[in-house]
Protein backbone atom coordinates (compact mmCIF):
# COMPACT_ATOMS: atom_id res chain seq x y z
CA UNK A 1 126.98 43.13 -49.84
CA UNK A 2 127.86 41.37 -53.05
CA UNK A 3 127.07 37.78 -53.99
CA UNK A 4 130.65 36.52 -53.75
CA UNK A 5 131.00 37.80 -50.17
CA UNK A 6 127.70 36.18 -49.16
CA UNK A 7 128.95 32.85 -50.55
CA UNK A 8 132.26 33.27 -48.66
CA UNK A 9 130.38 33.90 -45.41
CA UNK A 10 128.16 30.85 -45.95
CA UNK A 11 131.16 28.55 -46.45
CA UNK A 12 133.33 30.10 -43.73
CA UNK A 13 134.06 28.08 -40.61
CA UNK A 14 134.38 31.34 -38.67
CA UNK A 15 131.40 33.24 -37.30
CA UNK A 16 131.12 36.48 -39.25
CA UNK A 17 128.86 39.26 -37.99
CA UNK A 18 126.23 40.23 -40.56
CA UNK A 19 123.44 42.78 -40.15
CA UNK A 20 120.25 43.52 -42.06
CA UNK A 21 119.08 47.10 -41.47
CA UNK A 22 121.04 47.18 -38.21
CA UNK A 23 119.71 43.85 -36.90
CA UNK A 24 122.23 41.01 -36.40
CA UNK A 25 121.27 38.05 -38.59
CA UNK A 26 122.33 34.60 -39.76
CA UNK A 27 122.38 33.91 -43.48
CA UNK A 28 120.64 30.57 -44.01
CA UNK A 29 121.01 30.35 -47.81
CA UNK A 30 121.34 32.44 -50.95
CA UNK A 31 119.73 32.22 -54.39
CA UNK A 32 122.47 33.17 -56.83
CA UNK A 33 120.05 33.79 -59.69
CA UNK A 34 117.92 36.38 -57.90
CA UNK A 35 120.56 37.66 -55.42
CA UNK A 36 118.12 37.01 -52.58
CA UNK A 37 119.02 35.45 -49.23
CA UNK A 38 117.06 33.69 -46.53
CA UNK A 39 117.99 35.12 -43.14
CA UNK A 40 116.95 34.77 -39.51
CA UNK A 41 117.54 37.23 -36.69
CA UNK A 42 120.23 36.04 -34.29
CA UNK A 43 118.68 34.58 -31.16
CA UNK A 44 115.39 33.90 -32.97
CA UNK A 45 115.74 31.04 -35.42
CA UNK A 46 111.99 30.80 -35.89
CA UNK A 47 111.08 33.52 -38.40
CA UNK A 48 112.89 33.41 -41.72
CA UNK A 49 112.88 36.29 -44.17
CA UNK A 50 113.68 36.47 -47.87
CA UNK A 51 115.72 39.64 -48.48
CA UNK A 52 117.90 41.21 -51.13
CA UNK A 53 121.61 40.73 -50.44
CA UNK A 54 122.04 44.46 -51.09
CA UNK A 55 120.60 45.06 -47.61
CA UNK A 56 123.19 42.85 -45.86
CA UNK A 57 126.21 44.45 -44.19
CA UNK A 58 129.23 43.20 -42.27
């Protein structure tokens, strides 16, 4: 996924399905400089991961 699409998803009022390696996730935030995002698995808002946005898919 590219940076512009990640930013669109973050600001969208609609719920947009996003997956990281096949796992449904929420995007918590994105660092535009490093193209890294903080995500959590849907249904488990406890463990956050820092991942490359290249691994995110709609």
